[in-house]
């Protein structure tokens, strides 16, 4: 396949997977549903996830329909780059690896954005940053509780970034 087409397919399928994975994370983290970005994600993902919810209902705050569609998007990319030369179990595993890689990239860059924004726009509210903080908090809060209080400096995001980097490198043997 042409390298340019592969790059475009990678971008489109990665963004599609990210849409559904963010939908899963919004519900799992109980983020603000009325945030305009949350509304965009919900409206953008509903056409594919609504029919699946009849077969795969949510359990509490876990929206498995969105997670499944995100995984399918990742599997589609693996099928595209391998041209159907692998077995079904290989596609399922490599799709899972890609999905985890997309999630790790999302969290890595979200934490970086939240860190930078906390220095640049302290005291100002932005719906995008507020939503990112709500999505990142479930990863950062447990580390924050383990660390000693350092006053105004919070080192927990840096530790989470380090852990995410290690996980991404561990996955890079797969299909990142």
Protein backbone atom coordinates (compact mmCIF):
# COMPACT_ATOMS: atom_id res chain seq x y z
CA UNK A 1 0.00 0.00 0.00
CA UNK A 2 1.16 3.50 -0.77
CA UNK A 3 2.85 5.15 2.24
CA UNK A 4 0.69 8.27 1.97
CA UNK A 5 -2.53 6.27 1.89
CA UNK A 6 -1.33 4.22 4.84
CA UNK A 7 -0.59 7.41 6.78
CA UNK A 8 -4.06 8.79 6.00
CA UNK A 9 -5.71 5.48 6.96
CA UNK A 10 -3.69 5.44 10.18
CA UNK A 11 -4.82 8.96 11.07
CA UNK A 12 -8.48 8.38 10.22
CA UNK A 13 -8.74 5.06 12.05
CA UNK A 14 -6.72 6.32 15.03
CA UNK A 15 -9.02 9.36 15.36
CA UNK A 16 -12.11 7.16 14.97
CA UNK A 17 -10.83 4.78 17.64
CA UNK A 18 -9.98 7.74 19.87
CA UNK A 19 -13.52 9.12 19.51
CA UNK A 20 -15.01 5.87 20.84
CA UNK A 21 -12.35 5.42 23.49
CA UNK A 22 -12.92 8.96 24.76
CA UNK A 23 -16.64 8.16 24.87
CA UNK A 24 -15.76 5.15 27.04
CA UNK A 25 -13.49 7.27 29.26
CA UNK A 26 -16.08 10.04 29.64
CA UNK A 27 -18.55 7.62 31.10
CA UNK A 28 -15.95 5.66 33.12
CA UNK A 29 -14.54 8.81 34.73
CA UNK A 30 -18.00 10.37 35.16
CA UNK A 31 -16.84 13.49 33.35
CA UNK A 32 -19.13 16.47 32.80
CA UNK A 33 -21.75 15.29 30.31
CA UNK A 34 -22.87 18.85 29.59
CA UNK A 35 -19.43 20.00 28.48
CA UNK A 36 -19.66 21.00 24.77
CA UNK A 37 -16.79 18.66 23.89
CA UNK A 38 -18.51 15.79 25.71
CA UNK A 39 -21.64 16.53 23.72
CA UNK A 40 -19.65 16.43 20.47
CA UNK A 41 -18.09 13.07 21.39
CA UNK A 42 -21.46 11.61 22.38
CA UNK A 43 -23.19 12.81 19.21
CA UNK A 44 -20.31 11.65 17.03
CA UNK A 45 -20.15 8.18 18.54
CA UNK A 46 -23.87 7.50 19.04
CA UNK A 47 -24.72 6.27 15.51
CA UNK A 48 -22.44 3.23 15.90
CA UNK A 49 -22.69 2.63 19.64
CA UNK A 50 -26.45 2.97 20.14
CA UNK A 51 -27.35 -0.20 18.18
CA UNK A 52 -24.61 -2.12 20.00
CA UNK A 53 -25.96 -1.17 23.41
CA UNK A 54 -28.94 -3.43 22.80
CA UNK A 55 -26.53 -6.37 22.62
CA UNK A 56 -23.89 -5.08 24.99
CA UNK A 57 -25.42 -2.87 27.69
CA UNK A 58 -23.37 -0.66 29.97
CA UNK A 59 -22.40 -1.99 33.37
CA UNK A 60 -22.50 0.89 35.80
CA UNK A 61 -20.19 3.51 34.36
CA UNK A 62 -18.53 1.13 31.87
CA UNK A 63 -19.75 1.64 28.30
CA UNK A 64 -18.60 -1.57 26.67
CA UNK A 65 -20.24 -0.74 23.32
CA UNK A 66 -17.93 2.26 22.87
CA UNK A 67 -14.92 0.22 23.95
CA UNK A 68 -15.81 -2.52 21.47
CA UNK A 69 -16.19 -0.09 18.56
CA UNK A 70 -12.85 1.53 19.45
CA UNK A 71 -11.24 -1.92 19.46
CA UNK A 72 -12.83 -2.75 16.09
CA UNK A 73 -11.37 0.46 14.61
CA UNK A 74 -7.94 -0.64 15.81
CA UNK A 75 -8.44 -4.12 14.37
CA UNK A 76 -9.44 -2.58 11.03
CA UNK A 77 -6.11 -0.77 10.89
CA UNK A 78 -4.22 -3.99 11.58
CA UNK A 79 -6.19 -5.77 8.85
CA UNK A 80 -5.41 -2.91 6.47
CA UNK A 81 -1.66 -2.94 7.03
CA UNK A 82 -1.32 -6.72 6.99
CA UNK A 83 -3.70 -7.17 4.05
CA UNK A 84 -5.50 -10.02 5.75
CA UNK A 85 -2.48 -12.28 6.12
CA UNK A 86 -2.90 -13.06 9.85
CA UNK A 87 -5.21 -15.25 11.86
CA UNK A 88 -8.22 -13.99 13.79
CA UNK A 89 -6.52 -14.31 17.18
CA UNK A 90 -3.56 -12.28 15.87
CA UNK A 91 -5.92 -9.51 14.76
CA UNK A 92 -7.68 -9.48 18.12
CA UNK A 93 -4.40 -9.26 20.03
CA UNK A 94 -2.77 -6.69 17.74
CA UNK A 95 -5.98 -4.64 17.76
CA UNK A 96 -5.86 -4.66 21.56
CA UNK A 97 -2.21 -3.59 21.50
CA UNK A 98 -3.05 -0.74 19.14
CA UNK A 99 -6.03 0.29 21.26
CA UNK A 100 -3.84 0.42 24.38
CA UNK A 101 -1.26 2.41 22.42
CA UNK A 102 -3.92 4.93 21.33
CA UNK A 103 -5.09 5.27 24.95
CA UNK A 104 -1.53 5.72 26.23
CA UNK A 105 -0.84 8.39 23.59
CA UNK A 106 -4.06 10.16 24.53
CA UNK A 107 -3.23 10.20 28.22
CA UNK A 108 0.41 11.18 27.60
CA UNK A 109 -0.50 14.22 25.52
CA UNK A 110 -3.48 15.13 27.70
CA UNK A 111 -1.27 15.26 30.79
CA UNK A 112 1.31 17.36 28.93
CA UNK A 113 -1.43 19.80 27.85
CA UNK A 114 -2.86 20.00 31.37
CA UNK A 115 0.60 20.66 32.83
CA UNK A 116 1.40 23.43 30.34
CA UNK A 117 -2.06 24.97 30.68
CA UNK A 118 -1.77 25.02 34.47
CA UNK A 119 1.22 27.33 34.12
CA UNK A 120 -0.20 29.51 31.35
CA UNK A 121 -3.83 29.95 32.33
CA UNK A 122 -4.07 29.45 36.06
CA UNK A 123 -7.38 30.63 37.44
CA UNK A 124 -9.13 30.71 34.05
CA UNK A 125 -11.68 28.09 32.99
CA UNK A 126 -11.66 26.46 29.60
CA UNK A 127 -14.15 23.67 28.81
CA UNK A 128 -11.52 21.64 26.93
CA UNK A 129 -8.99 21.84 29.74
CA UNK A 130 -11.65 21.14 32.34
CA UNK A 131 -12.65 18.00 30.48
CA UNK A 132 -9.03 16.88 30.06
CA UNK A 133 -8.46 17.34 33.79
CA UNK A 134 -11.51 15.20 34.54
CA UNK A 135 -10.27 12.47 32.20
CA UNK A 136 -6.69 12.54 33.52
CA UNK A 137 -7.57 12.69 37.21
CA UNK A 138 -8.30 8.96 37.63
CA UNK A 139 -4.70 8.22 36.60
CA UNK A 140 -3.03 11.03 38.52
CA UNK A 141 -5.01 10.92 41.79
CA UNK A 142 -3.72 7.55 43.07
CA UNK A 143 -0.11 8.62 42.48
CA UNK A 144 -0.80 11.98 44.13
CA UNK A 145 -2.06 10.19 47.26
CA UNK A 146 1.16 8.12 47.45
CA UNK A 147 3.53 11.08 47.17
CA UNK A 148 4.38 13.34 50.10
CA UNK A 149 2.87 16.82 50.03
CA UNK A 150 5.25 19.21 48.22
CA UNK A 151 3.18 22.33 48.53
CA UNK A 152 2.18 23.95 45.25
CA UNK A 153 4.26 21.55 43.13
CA UNK A 154 2.56 18.36 42.01
CA UNK A 155 4.97 15.69 40.76
CA UNK A 156 2.30 13.04 40.19
CA UNK A 157 1.70 13.94 36.50
CA UNK A 158 5.41 13.45 35.79
CA UNK A 159 5.36 10.02 37.40
CA UNK A 160 2.27 9.07 35.39
CA UNK A 161 4.03 10.24 32.20
CA UNK A 162 7.03 8.08 33.11
CA UNK A 163 4.77 5.06 33.67
CA UNK A 164 2.95 5.72 30.38
CA UNK A 165 6.27 5.97 28.53
CA UNK A 166 7.40 2.65 29.98
CA UNK A 167 4.09 1.04 28.99
CA UNK A 168 4.30 2.47 25.48
CA UNK A 169 7.81 1.10 25.04
CA UNK A 170 6.62 -2.30 26.26
CA UNK A 171 3.84 -2.20 23.66
CA UNK A 172 6.15 -1.03 20.87
CA UNK A 173 7.12 -4.63 20.24
CA UNK A 174 3.52 -4.95 19.02
CA UNK A 175 1.77 -2.73 16.52
CA UNK A 176 1.91 0.71 18.26
